[in-house]
Each structure stands twice: as C-alpha cells, then as structure tokens.
Amino acid sequence: MPTFAYTPSFEAQQLSQPRTRKVQFGDGYQQRLRFGLNTDPKEWSLTFSNRTDAERDNIIAFLQARAGVESFDWTPPQGTAGKFICEKWDLGLSNCNNNQIRATFTQVFEP
C-alpha cells in the first residue's frame, strides 16, 4: 500500500458527518440510528503551501497515479494512520518555485 508522506500546511480542516438513518413519526417523535459498520469517516481539507516545483510535481504525480480510486496510507495531523482516497485537488501557481496545492482526503474502510 503506498503511503502519502508529505506534511500539509496549517490550517487543516477535518469534517465529520456520521452516517445515520432517521424516521419521523406523526406525533413529533423521531428515531435515529447509526447506519453501517464504519459510521463516521473523516474528510480532510488540506493545503500544501510554498512548495517547490519538485515537491509539487511529486505530490501531483502521487495523486494522479491513484486517480481517486486507489487508496493510500496517510496519518492525519494529531490522528492515527488510516486509508484515504483523494478524488479532487487543485493547483495554484504563485510564481516560480512557489506552488500551492489544495486537496480533499476522504477516509475509506477496506481490508
């Protein structure tokens, strides 16, 4: 399993949106249940600022090689290692040898 080894710039943002199912009854009563085995996958919005052209090329090549399909190992800031996919990223070119990449890493659960 490939490992993403680049450290993102701060600030990194984590989104949690637990999977639930809700049933609304006519008398105002509502029942909520967790849905699935892994009910709270994390999504990280990351920025890689002030990266050299070489770093930029390596990060983009890593993401393109997985094409949003193949998972990779990554350890979030202040977190534990897990499997993630990256389905979208964008590249900003400020000037020569000063690049910014924004990417969204989504946690997946697979063997």
PDB file of N, CA and C in Angstrom:
ATOM      1  N   MET A   1       0.859  -1.179   0.000  1.00  0.00           N
ATOM      2  CA  MET A   1       0.000   0.000   0.000  1.00  0.00           C
ATOM      3  C   MET A   1       0.902   1.238   0.000  1.00  0.00           C
ATOM      4  N   PRO A   2       0.720   2.144  -0.950  1.00  0.00           N
ATOM      5  CA  PRO A   2       1.518   3.372  -0.979  1.00  0.00           C
ATOM      6  C   PRO A   2       1.172   4.274   0.205  1.00  0.00           C
ATOM      7  N   THR A   3       2.166   5.035   0.628  1.00  0.00           N
ATOM      8  CA  THR A   3       1.990   5.950   1.759  1.00  0.00           C
ATOM      9  C   THR A   3       2.226   7.377   1.292  1.00  0.00           C
ATOM     10  N   PHE A   4       1.283   8.273   1.629  1.00  0.00           N
ATOM     11  CA  PHE A   4       1.439   9.686   1.329  1.00  0.00           C
ATOM     12  C   PHE A   4       2.261  10.295   2.457  1.00  0.00           C
ATOM     13  N   ALA A   5       3.476  10.771   2.150  1.00  0.00           N
ATOM     14  CA  ALA A   5       4.424  11.172   3.188  1.00  0.00           C
ATOM     15  C   ALA A   5       4.609  12.683   3.314  1.00  0.00           C
ATOM     16  N   TYR A   6       3.876  13.468   2.558  1.00  0.00           N
ATOM     17  CA  TYR A   6       4.047  14.920   2.619  1.00  0.00           C
ATOM     18  C   TYR A   6       3.210  15.508   3.750  1.00  0.00           C
ATOM     19  N   THR A   7       3.776  16.466   4.450  1.00  0.00           N
ATOM     20  CA  THR A   7       3.084  17.112   5.565  1.00  0.00           C
ATOM     21  C   THR A   7       2.338  18.334   5.052  1.00  0.00           C
ATOM     22  N   PRO A   8       1.032  18.414   5.328  1.00  0.00           N
ATOM     23  CA  PRO A   8       0.267  19.581   4.877  1.00  0.00           C
ATOM     24  C   PRO A   8       0.618  20.823   5.694  1.00  0.00           C
ATOM     25  N   SER A   9       0.327  21.967   5.123  1.00  0.00           N
ATOM     26  CA  SER A   9       0.473  23.229   5.840  1.00  0.00           C
ATOM     27  C   SER A   9      -0.719  23.387   6.774  1.00  0.00           C
ATOM     28  N   PHE A  10      -0.554  24.226   7.758  1.00  0.00           N
ATOM     29  CA  PHE A  10      -1.699  24.513   8.629  1.00  0.00           C
ATOM     30  C   PHE A  10      -2.348  25.781   8.134  1.00  0.00           C
ATOM     31  N   GLU A  11      -3.625  25.860   8.043  1.00  0.00           N
ATOM     32  CA  GLU A  11      -4.561  25.110   8.817  1.00  0.00           C
ATOM     33  C   GLU A  11      -5.171  23.996   7.987  1.00  0.00           C
ATOM     34  N   ALA A  12      -5.333  22.841   8.624  1.00  0.00           N
ATOM     35  CA  ALA A  12      -6.016  21.710   8.020  1.00  0.00           C
ATOM     36  C   ALA A  12      -7.389  21.612   8.662  1.00  0.00           C
ATOM     37  N   GLN A  13      -8.377  21.239   7.886  1.00  0.00           N
ATOM     38  CA  GLN A  13      -9.739  21.165   8.413  1.00  0.00           C
ATOM     39  C   GLN A  13     -10.277  19.752   8.277  1.00  0.00           C
ATOM     40  N   GLN A  14     -10.883  19.279   9.365  1.00  0.00           N
ATOM     41  CA  GLN A  14     -11.476  17.951   9.375  1.00  0.00           C
ATOM     42  C   GLN A  14     -12.994  18.074   9.410  1.00  0.00           C
ATOM     43  N   LEU A  15     -13.662  17.319   8.547  1.00  0.00           N
ATOM     44  CA  LEU A  15     -15.122  17.285   8.521  1.00  0.00           C
ATOM     45  C   LEU A  15     -15.579  15.912   8.990  1.00  0.00           C
ATOM     46  N   SER A  16     -16.504  15.898   9.926  1.00  0.00           N
ATOM     47  CA  SER A  16     -17.142  14.663  10.373  1.00  0.00           C
ATOM     48  C   SER A  16     -18.625  14.759  10.063  1.00  0.00           C
ATOM     49  N   GLN A  17     -19.160  13.724   9.460  1.00  0.00           N
ATOM     50  CA  GLN A  17     -20.581  13.674   9.163  1.00  0.00           C
ATOM     51  C   GLN A  17     -21.022  12.218   9.317  1.00  0.00           C
ATOM     52  N   PRO A  18     -21.344  11.825  10.570  1.00  0.00           N
ATOM     53  CA  PRO A  18     -21.724  10.435  10.815  1.00  0.00           C
ATOM     54  C   PRO A  18     -22.904  10.005   9.948  1.00  0.00           C
ATOM     55  N   ARG A  19     -22.854   8.760   9.506  1.00  0.00           N
ATOM     56  CA  ARG A  19     -23.942   8.207   8.691  1.00  0.00           C
ATOM     57  C   ARG A  19     -25.068   7.758   9.617  1.00  0.00           C
ATOM     58  N   THR A  20     -26.241   8.289   9.389  1.00  0.00           N
ATOM     59  CA  THR A  20     -27.393   7.947  10.213  1.00  0.00           C
ATOM     60  C   THR A  20     -28.616   7.735   9.334  1.00  0.00           C
ATOM     61  N   ARG A  21     -29.597   7.105   9.901  1.00  0.00           N
ATOM     62  CA  ARG A  21     -30.907   6.982   9.281  1.00  0.00           C
ATOM     63  C   ARG A  21     -31.908   7.532  10.292  1.00  0.00           C
ATOM     64  N   LYS A  22     -32.886   8.318   9.806  1.00  0.00           N
ATOM     65  CA  LYS A  22     -33.878   8.939  10.677  1.00  0.00           C
ATOM     66  C   LYS A  22     -35.275   8.543  10.212  1.00  0.00           C
ATOM     67  N   VAL A  23     -36.139   8.337  11.191  1.00  0.00           N
ATOM     68  CA  VAL A  23     -37.548   8.074  10.916  1.00  0.00           C
ATOM     69  C   VAL A  23     -38.345   9.086  11.712  1.00  0.00           C
ATOM     70  N   GLN A  24     -39.181   9.847  11.014  1.00  0.00           N
ATOM     71  CA  GLN A  24     -40.017  10.862  11.658  1.00  0.00           C
ATOM     72  C   GLN A  24     -41.437  10.317  11.766  1.00  0.00           C
ATOM     73  N   PHE A  25     -41.963  10.308  12.985  1.00  0.00           N
ATOM     74  CA  PHE A  25     -43.320   9.828  13.219  1.00  0.00           C
ATOM     75  C   PHE A  25     -44.275  11.010  13.311  1.00  0.00           C
ATOM     76  N   GLY A  26     -45.554  10.743  13.098  1.00  0.00           N
ATOM     77  CA  GLY A  26     -46.562  11.791  13.037  1.00  0.00           C
ATOM     78  C   GLY A  26     -46.735  12.582  14.316  1.00  0.00           C
ATOM     79  N   ASP A  27     -46.406  11.995  15.458  1.00  0.00           N
ATOM     80  CA  ASP A  27     -46.616  12.702  16.720  1.00  0.00           C
ATOM     81  C   ASP A  27     -45.405  13.534  17.131  1.00  0.00           C
ATOM     82  N   GLY A  28     -44.446  13.735  16.210  1.00  0.00           N
ATOM     83  CA  GLY A  28     -43.261  14.530  16.507  1.00  0.00           C
ATOM     84  C   GLY A  28     -42.081  13.709  17.005  1.00  0.00           C
ATOM     85  N   TYR A  29     -42.306  12.446  17.298  1.00  0.00           N
ATOM     86  CA  TYR A  29     -41.248  11.560  17.760  1.00  0.00           C
ATOM     87  C   TYR A  29     -40.332  11.234  16.587  1.00  0.00           C
ATOM     88  N   GLN A  30     -39.034  11.215  16.851  1.00  0.00           N
ATOM     89  CA  GLN A  30     -38.051  10.909  15.812  1.00  0.00           C
ATOM     90  C   GLN A  30     -37.109   9.829  16.328  1.00  0.00           C
ATOM     91  N   GLN A  31     -36.835   8.847  15.493  1.00  0.00           N
ATOM     92  CA  GLN A  31     -35.889   7.798  15.848  1.00  0.00           C
ATOM     93  C   GLN A  31     -34.675   7.921  14.936  1.00  0.00           C
ATOM     94  N   ARG A  32     -33.470   7.855  15.520  1.00  0.00           N
ATOM     95  CA  ARG A  32     -32.221   7.963  14.776  1.00  0.00           C
ATOM     96  C   ARG A  32     -31.361   6.740  15.057  1.00  0.00           C
ATOM     97  N   LEU A  33     -30.719   6.228  13.999  1.00  0.00           N
ATOM     98  CA  LEU A  33     -29.858   5.062  14.122  1.00  0.00           C
ATOM     99  C   LEU A  33     -28.573   5.287  13.344  1.00  0.00           C
ATOM    100  N   ARG A  34     -27.492   4.708  13.839  1.00  0.00           N
ATOM    101  CA  ARG A  34     -26.253   4.688  13.068  1.00  0.00           C
ATOM    102  C   ARG A  34     -26.459   3.749  11.889  1.00  0.00           C
ATOM    103  N   PHE A  35     -25.835   4.079  10.756  1.00  0.00           N
ATOM    104  CA  PHE A  35     -26.027   3.279   9.556  1.00  0.00           C
ATOM    105  C   PHE A  35     -24.683   2.762   9.077  1.00  0.00           C
ATOM    106  N   GLY A  36     -24.524   1.454   9.043  1.00  0.00           N
ATOM    107  CA  GLY A  36     -23.306   0.842   8.548  1.00  0.00           C
ATOM    108  C   GLY A  36     -22.343   0.469   9.649  1.00  0.00           C
ATOM    109  N   LEU A  37     -21.224  -0.125   9.235  1.00  0.00           N
ATOM    110  CA  LEU A  37     -20.215  -0.559  10.196  1.00  0.00           C
ATOM    111  C   LEU A  37     -19.293   0.582  10.622  1.00  0.00           C
ATOM    112  N   ASN A  38     -18.826   1.338   9.679  1.00  0.00           N
ATOM    113  CA  ASN A  38     -17.928   2.458   9.945  1.00  0.00           C
ATOM    114  C   ASN A  38     -18.726   3.733   9.709  1.00  0.00           C
ATOM    115  N   THR A  39     -19.308   4.243  10.774  1.00  0.00           N
ATOM    116  CA  THR A  39     -20.331   5.276  10.635  1.00  0.00           C
ATOM    117  C   THR A  39     -19.806   6.699  10.576  1.00  0.00           C
ATOM    118  N   ASP A  40     -18.525   6.908  10.825  1.00  0.00           N
ATOM    119  CA  ASP A  40     -18.031   8.285  10.872  1.00  0.00           C
ATOM    120  C   ASP A  40     -16.706   8.448  10.131  1.00  0.00           C
ATOM    121  N   PRO A  41     -16.713   8.307   8.795  1.00  0.00           N
ATOM    122  CA  PRO A  41     -15.472   8.542   8.050  1.00  0.00           C
ATOM    123  C   PRO A  41     -15.102  10.025   8.093  1.00  0.00           C
ATOM    124  N   LYS A  42     -13.832  10.300   8.171  1.00  0.00           N
ATOM    125  CA  LYS A  42     -13.342  11.681   8.234  1.00  0.00           C
ATOM    126  C   LYS A  42     -12.986  12.176   6.841  1.00  0.00           C
ATOM    127  N   GLU A  43     -13.181  13.466   6.645  1.00  0.00           N
ATOM    128  CA  GLU A  43     -12.782  14.115   5.399  1.00  0.00           C
ATOM    129  C   GLU A  43     -11.892  15.292   5.772  1.00  0.00           C
ATOM    130  N   TRP A  44     -10.732  15.372   5.151  1.00  0.00           N
ATOM    131  CA  TRP A  44      -9.754  16.422   5.452  1.00  0.00           C
ATOM    132  C   TRP A  44      -9.594  17.357   4.263  1.00  0.00           C
ATOM    133  N   SER A  45      -9.703  18.650   4.515  1.00  0.00           N
ATOM    134  CA  SER A  45      -9.372  19.674   3.518  1.00  0.00           C
ATOM    135  C   SER A  45      -7.959  20.146   3.839  1.00  0.00           C
ATOM    136  N   LEU A  46      -7.039  19.884   2.918  1.00  0.00           N
ATOM    137  CA  LEU A  46      -5.623  20.137   3.170  1.00  0.00           C
ATOM    138  C   LEU A  46      -5.059  21.142   2.177  1.00  0.00           C
ATOM    139  N   THR A  47      -4.074  21.877   2.638  1.00  0.00           N
ATOM    140  CA  THR A  47      -3.348  22.806   1.784  1.00  0.00           C
ATOM    141  C   THR A  47      -1.863  22.512   1.918  1.00  0.00           C
ATOM    142  N   PHE A  48      -1.186  22.484   0.800  1.00  0.00           N
ATOM    143  CA  PHE A  48       0.260  22.320   0.761  1.00  0.00           C
ATOM    144  C   PHE A  48       0.817  23.602   0.158  1.00  0.00           C
ATOM    145  N   SER A  49       1.225  24.536   1.019  1.00  0.00           N
ATOM    146  CA  SER A  49       1.653  25.868   0.572  1.00  0.00           C
ATOM    147  C   SER A  49       3.167  25.957   0.440  1.00  0.00           C
ATOM    148  N   ASN A  50       3.596  26.920  -0.384  1.00  0.00           N
ATOM    149  CA  ASN A  50       5.014  27.239  -0.557  1.00  0.00           C
ATOM    150  C   ASN A  50       5.844  26.010  -0.918  1.00  0.00           C
ATOM    151  N   ARG A  51       5.359  25.240  -1.867  1.00  0.00           N
ATOM    152  CA  ARG A  51       6.065  24.025  -2.288  1.00  0.00           C
ATOM    153  C   ARG A  51       6.898  24.318  -3.522  1.00  0.00           C
ATOM    154  N   THR A  52       8.066  23.703  -3.562  1.00  0.00           N
ATOM    155  CA  THR A  52       8.930  23.866  -4.723  1.00  0.00           C
ATOM    156  C   THR A  52       8.296  23.159  -5.924  1.00  0.00           C
ATOM    157  N   ASP A  53       8.825  23.432  -7.090  1.00  0.00           N
ATOM    158  CA  ASP A  53       8.317  22.776  -8.292  1.00  0.00           C
ATOM    159  C   ASP A  53       8.486  21.257  -8.194  1.00  0.00           C
ATOM    160  N   ALA A  54       9.604  20.810  -7.621  1.00  0.00           N
ATOM    161  CA  ALA A  54       9.848  19.373  -7.480  1.00  0.00           C
ATOM    162  C   ALA A  54       8.840  18.741  -6.519  1.00  0.00           C
ATOM    163  N   GLU A  55       8.600  19.373  -5.378  1.00  0.00           N
ATOM    164  CA  GLU A  55       7.603  18.858  -4.428  1.00  0.00           C
ATOM    165  C   GLU A  55       6.215  18.840  -5.068  1.00  0.00           C
ATOM    166  N   ARG A  56       5.878  19.919  -5.750  1.00  0.00           N
ATOM    167  CA  ARG A  56       4.586  19.997  -6.437  1.00  0.00           C
ATOM    168  C   ARG A  56       4.416  18.838  -7.399  1.00  0.00           C
ATOM    169  N   ASP A  57       5.432  18.600  -8.213  1.00  0.00           N
ATOM    170  CA  ASP A  57       5.357  17.525  -9.191  1.00  0.00           C
ATOM    171  C   ASP A  57       5.202  16.163  -8.522  1.00  0.00           C
ATOM    172  N   ASN A  58       5.904  15.946  -7.406  1.00  0.00           N
ATOM    173  CA  ASN A  58       5.817  14.669  -6.693  1.00  0.00           C
ATOM    174  C   ASN A  58       4.433  14.456  -6.077  1.00  0.00           C
ATOM    175  N   ILE A  59       3.877  15.497  -5.463  1.00  0.00           N
ATOM    176  CA  ILE A  59       2.547  15.390  -4.846  1.00  0.00           C
ATOM    177  C   ILE A  59       1.490  15.133  -5.915  1.00  0.00           C
ATOM    178  N   ILE A  60       1.525  15.915  -6.989  1.00  0.00           N
ATOM    179  CA  ILE A  60       0.547  15.756  -8.064  1.00  0.00           C
ATOM    180  C   ILE A  60       0.689  14.378  -8.715  1.00  0.00           C
ATOM    181  N   ALA A  61       1.914  13.915  -8.935  1.00  0.00           N
ATOM    182  CA  ALA A  61       2.132  12.597  -9.535  1.00  0.00           C
ATOM    183  C   ALA A  61       1.564  11.497  -8.637  1.00  0.00           C
ATOM    184  N   PHE A  62       1.740  11.624  -7.327  1.00  0.00           N
ATOM    185  CA  PHE A  62       1.196  10.644  -6.382  1.00  0.00           C
ATOM    186  C   PHE A  62      -0.325  10.594  -6.487  1.00  0.00           C
ATOM    187  N   LEU A  63      -0.956  11.770  -6.484  1.00  0.00           N
ATOM    188  CA  LEU A  63      -2.418  11.820  -6.544  1.00  0.00           C
ATOM    189  C   LEU A  63      -2.937  11.327  -7.895  1.00  0.00           C
ATOM    190  N   GLN A  64      -2.288  11.717  -8.973  1.00  0.00           N
ATOM    191  CA  GLN A  64      -2.719  11.291 -10.306  1.00  0.00           C
ATOM    192  C   GLN A  64      -2.563   9.788 -10.502  1.00  0.00           C
ATOM    193  N   ALA A  65      -1.538   9.216  -9.902  1.00  0.00           N
ATOM    194  CA  ALA A  65      -1.304   7.779 -10.046  1.00  0.00           C
ATOM    195  C   ALA A  65      -2.441   6.968  -9.418  1.00  0.00           C
ATOM    196  N   ARG A  66      -3.070   7.516  -8.383  1.00  0.00           N
ATOM    197  CA  ARG A  66      -4.180   6.830  -7.711  1.00  0.00           C
ATOM    198  C   ARG A  66      -5.525   7.204  -8.314  1.00  0.00           C
ATOM    199  N   ALA A  67      -5.602   8.317  -9.002  1.00  0.00           N
ATOM    200  CA  ALA A  67      -6.761   8.747  -9.799  1.00  0.00           C
ATOM    201  C   ALA A  67      -8.087   8.719  -9.040  1.00  0.00           C
ATOM    202  N   GLY A  68      -8.041   8.939  -7.727  1.00  0.00           N
ATOM    203  CA  GLY A  68      -9.267   8.980  -6.948  1.00  0.00           C
ATOM    204  C   GLY A  68      -9.894   7.623  -6.707  1.00  0.00           C
ATOM    205  N   VAL A  69      -9.200   6.548  -7.111  1.00  0.00           N
ATOM    206  CA  VAL A  69      -9.751   5.204  -6.989  1.00  0.00           C
ATOM    207  C   VAL A  69      -8.968   4.371  -5.983  1.00  0.00           C
ATOM    208  N   GLU A  70      -7.658   4.374  -6.126  1.00  0.00           N
ATOM    209  CA  GLU A  70      -6.803   3.553  -5.272  1.00  0.00           C
ATOM    210  C   GLU A  70      -6.564   4.271  -3.943  1.00  0.00           C
ATOM    211  N   SER A  71      -6.709   3.542  -2.855  1.00  0.00           N
ATOM    212  CA  SER A  71      -6.479   4.136  -1.538  1.00  0.00           C
ATOM    213  C   SER A  71      -4.980   4.153  -1.218  1.00  0.00           C
ATOM    214  N   PHE A  72      -4.641   4.968  -0.236  1.00  0.00           N
ATOM    215  CA  PHE A  72      -3.265   5.075   0.218  1.00  0.00           C
ATOM    216  C   PHE A  72      -3.277   5.284   1.726  1.00  0.00           C
ATOM    217  N   ASP A  73      -2.150   4.978   2.351  1.00  0.00           N
ATOM    218  CA  ASP A  73      -2.000   5.194   3.789  1.00  0.00           C
ATOM    219  C   ASP A  73      -1.615   6.645   4.030  1.00  0.00           C
ATOM    220  N   TRP A  74      -2.198   7.233   5.067  1.00  0.00           N
ATOM    221  CA  TRP A  74      -1.870   8.610   5.448  1.00  0.00           C
ATOM    222  C   TRP A  74      -2.194   8.790   6.923  1.00  0.00           C
ATOM    223  N   THR A  75      -1.370   9.567   7.611  1.00  0.00           N
ATOM    224  CA  THR A  75      -1.616   9.874   9.014  1.00  0.00           C
ATOM    225  C   THR A  75      -2.028  11.329   9.126  1.00  0.00           C
ATOM    226  N   PRO A  76      -3.286  11.589   9.529  1.00  0.00           N
ATOM    227  CA  PRO A  76      -3.761  12.967   9.679  1.00  0.00           C
ATOM    228  C   PRO A  76      -3.030  13.688  10.804  1.00  0.00           C
ATOM    229  N   PRO A  77      -3.055  15.027  10.804  1.00  0.00           N
ATOM    230  CA  PRO A  77      -2.470  15.775  11.918  1.00  0.00           C
ATOM    231  C   PRO A  77      -3.153  15.358  13.219  1.00  0.00           C
ATOM    232  N   GLN A  78      -2.379  15.044  14.197  1.00  0.00           N
ATOM    233  CA  GLN A  78      -2.876  14.634  15.517  1.00  0.00           C
ATOM    234  C   GLN A  78      -3.845  13.462  15.427  1.00  0.00           C
ATOM    235  N   GLY A  79      -3.599  12.542  14.522  1.00  0.00           N
ATOM    236  CA  GLY A  79      -4.505  11.416  14.339  1.00  0.00           C
ATOM    237  C   GLY A  79      -3.760  10.109  14.238  1.00  0.00           C
ATOM    238  N   THR A  80      -4.509   9.077  13.910  1.00  0.00           N
ATOM    239  CA  THR A  80      -3.919   7.771  13.712  1.00  0.00           C
ATOM    240  C   THR A  80      -3.982   7.423  12.226  1.00  0.00           C
ATOM    241  N   ALA A  81      -3.053   6.616  11.806  1.00  0.00           N
ATOM    242  CA  ALA A  81      -2.946   6.258  10.391  1.00  0.00           C
ATOM    243  C   ALA A  81      -4.211   5.566   9.907  1.00  0.00           C
ATOM    244  N   GLY A  82      -4.542   5.798   8.655  1.00  0.00           N
ATOM    245  CA  GLY A  82      -5.707   5.170   8.055  1.00  0.00           C
ATOM    246  C   GLY A  82      -5.561   5.114   6.554  1.00  0.00           C
ATOM    247  N   LYS A  83      -6.595   4.619   5.912  1.00  0.00           N
ATOM    248  CA  LYS A  83      -6.631   4.553   4.453  1.00  0.00           C
ATOM    249  C   LYS A  83      -7.507   5.693   3.935  1.00  0.00           C
ATOM    250  N   PHE A  84      -7.012   6.358   2.904  1.00  0.00           N
ATOM    251  CA  PHE A  84      -7.700   7.520   2.351  1.00  0.00           C
ATOM    252  C   PHE A  84      -7.676   7.458   0.836  1.00  0.00           C
ATOM    253  N   ILE A  85      -8.593   8.198   0.226  1.00  0.00           N
ATOM    254  CA  ILE A  85      -8.562   8.437  -1.209  1.00  0.00           C
ATOM    255  C   ILE A  85      -8.610   9.948  -1.423  1.00  0.00           C
ATOM    256  N   CYS A  86      -8.147  10.388  -2.581  1.00  0.00           N
ATOM    257  CA  CYS A  86      -8.211  11.803  -2.929  1.00  0.00           C
ATOM    258  C   CYS A  86      -8.852  11.891  -4.310  1.00  0.00           C
ATOM    259  N   GLU A  87     -10.106  12.358  -4.329  1.00  0.00           N
ATOM    260  CA  GLU A  87     -10.841  12.452  -5.587  1.00  0.00           C
ATOM    261  C   GLU A  87     -10.755  13.823  -6.227  1.00  0.00           C
ATOM    262  N   LYS A  88     -10.281  14.825  -5.467  1.00  0.00           N
ATOM    263  CA  LYS A  88     -10.163  16.157  -6.070  1.00  0.00           C
ATOM    264  C   LYS A  88      -9.028  16.936  -5.425  1.00  0.00           C
ATOM    265  N   TRP A  89      -8.361  17.696  -6.269  1.00  0.00           N
ATOM    266  CA  TRP A  89      -7.289  18.574  -5.831  1.00  0.00           C
ATOM    267  C   TRP A  89      -7.163  19.691  -6.848  1.00  0.00           C
ATOM    268  N   ASP A  90      -6.583  20.800  -6.422  1.00  0.00           N
ATOM    269  CA  ASP A  90      -6.304  21.880  -7.373  1.00  0.00           C
ATOM    270  C   ASP A  90      -4.934  22.462  -7.091  1.00  0.00           C
ATOM    271  N   LEU A  91      -4.383  23.056  -8.098  1.00  0.00           N
ATOM    272  CA  LEU A  91      -3.016  23.560  -8.066  1.00  0.00           C
ATOM    273  C   LEU A  91      -3.014  25.054  -8.329  1.00  0.00           C
ATOM    274  N   GLY A  92      -2.338  25.800  -7.482  1.00  0.00           N
ATOM    275  CA  GLY A  92      -2.164  27.234  -7.681  1.00  0.00           C
ATOM    276  C   GLY A  92      -0.690  27.542  -7.885  1.00  0.00           C
ATOM    277  N   LEU A  93      -0.391  28.265  -8.946  1.00  0.00           N
ATOM    278  CA  LEU A  93       0.990  28.631  -9.249  1.00  0.00           C
ATOM    279  C   LEU A  93       1.186  30.112  -8.947  1.00  0.00           C
ATOM    280  N   SER A  94       1.822  30.407  -7.815  1.00  0.00           N
ATOM    281  CA  SER A  94       2.031  31.803  -7.426  1.00  0.00           C
ATOM    282  C   SER A  94       3.131  32.442  -8.252  1.00  0.00           C
ATOM    283  N   ASN A  95       4.280  31.804  -8.270  1.00  0.00           N
ATOM    284  CA  ASN A  95       5.398  32.226  -9.095  1.00  0.00           C
ATOM    285  C   ASN A  95       6.369  31.060  -9.188  1.00  0.00           C
ATOM    286  N   CYS A  96       7.507  31.287  -9.807  1.00  0.00           N
ATOM    287  CA  CYS A  96       8.473  30.210  -9.999  1.00  0.00           C
ATOM    288  C   CYS A  96       8.894  29.613  -8.647  1.00  0.00           C
ATOM    289  N   ASN A  97       8.760  28.299  -8.534  1.00  0.00           N
ATOM    290  CA  ASN A  97       9.191  27.560  -7.344  1.00  0.00           C
ATOM    291  C   ASN A  97       8.388  27.908  -6.090  1.00  0.00           C
ATOM    292  N   ASN A  98       7.155  28.382  -6.265  1.00  0.00           N
ATOM    293  CA  ASN A  98       6.276  28.683  -5.129  1.00  0.00           C
ATOM    294  C   ASN A  98       4.861  28.262  -5.526  1.00  0.00           C
ATOM    295  N   ASN A  99       4.475  27.078  -5.085  1.00  0.00           N
ATOM    296  CA  ASN A  99       3.221  26.470  -5.520  1.00  0.00           C
ATOM    297  C   ASN A  99       2.329  26.154  -4.335  1.00  0.00           C
ATOM    298  N   GLN A 100       1.040  26.061  -4.613  1.00  0.00           N
ATOM    299  CA  GLN A 100       0.071  25.699  -3.584  1.00  0.00           C
ATOM    300  C   GLN A 100      -0.869  24.641  -4.140  1.00  0.00           C
ATOM    301  N   ILE A 101      -1.057  23.581  -3.364  1.00  0.00           N
ATOM    302  CA  ILE A 101      -1.973  22.510  -3.742  1.00  0.00           C
ATOM    303  C   ILE A 101      -3.027  22.405  -2.651  1.00  0.00           C
ATOM    304  N   ARG A 102      -4.288  22.331  -3.069  1.00  0.00           N
ATOM    305  CA  ARG A 102      -5.392  22.077  -2.135  1.00  0.00           C
ATOM    306  C   ARG A 102      -5.993  20.728  -2.514  1.00  0.00           C
ATOM    307  N   ALA A 103      -6.174  19.877  -1.506  1.00  0.00           N
ATOM    308  CA  ALA A 103      -6.685  18.533  -1.763  1.00  0.00           C
ATOM    309  C   ALA A 103      -7.665  18.134  -0.671  1.00  0.00           C
ATOM    310  N   THR A 104      -8.556  17.230  -1.024  1.00  0.00           N
ATOM    311  CA  THR A 104      -9.516  16.689  -0.069  1.00  0.00           C
ATOM    312  C   THR A 104      -9.255  15.189   0.062  1.00  0.00           C
ATOM    313  N   PHE A 105      -8.900  14.765   1.270  1.00  0.00           N
ATOM    314  CA  PHE A 105      -8.657  13.356   1.553  1.00  0.00           C
ATOM    315  C   PHE A 105      -9.875  12.808   2.289  1.00  0.00           C
ATOM    316  N   THR A 106     -10.415  11.703   1.800  1.00  0.00           N
ATOM    317  CA  THR A 106     -11.581  11.071   2.399  1.00  0.00           C
ATOM    318  C   THR A 106     -11.206   9.696   2.917  1.00  0.00           C
ATOM    319  N   GLN A 107     -11.525   9.436   4.171  1.00  0.00           N
ATOM    320  CA  GLN A 107     -11.202   8.150   4.792  1.00  0.00           C
ATOM    321  C   GLN A 107     -12.078   7.049   4.197  1.00  0.00           C
ATOM    322  N   VAL A 108     -11.457   5.918   3.905  1.00  0.00           N
ATOM    323  CA  VAL A 108     -12.183   4.751   3.414  1.00  0.00           C
ATOM    324  C   VAL A 108     -11.847   3.566   4.313  1.00  0.00           C
ATOM    325  N   PHE A 109     -12.713   2.596   4.298  1.00  0.00           N
ATOM    326  CA  PHE A 109     -12.538   1.418   5.138  1.00  0.00           C
ATOM    327  C   PHE A 109     -12.517   0.209   4.234  1.00  0.00           C
ATOM    328  N   GLU A 110     -11.352  -0.393   4.126  1.00  0.00           N
ATOM    329  CA  GLU A 110     -11.191  -1.576   3.295  1.00  0.00           C
ATOM    330  C   GLU A 110     -10.102  -2.460   3.898  1.00  0.00           C
ATOM    331  N   PRO A 111     -10.108  -3.728   3.531  1.00  0.00           N
ATOM    332  CA  PRO A 111      -9.130  -4.661   4.124  1.00  0.00           C
ATOM    333  C   PRO A 111      -7.715  -4.344   3.726  1.00  0.00           C
TER     334      PRO A 111
END
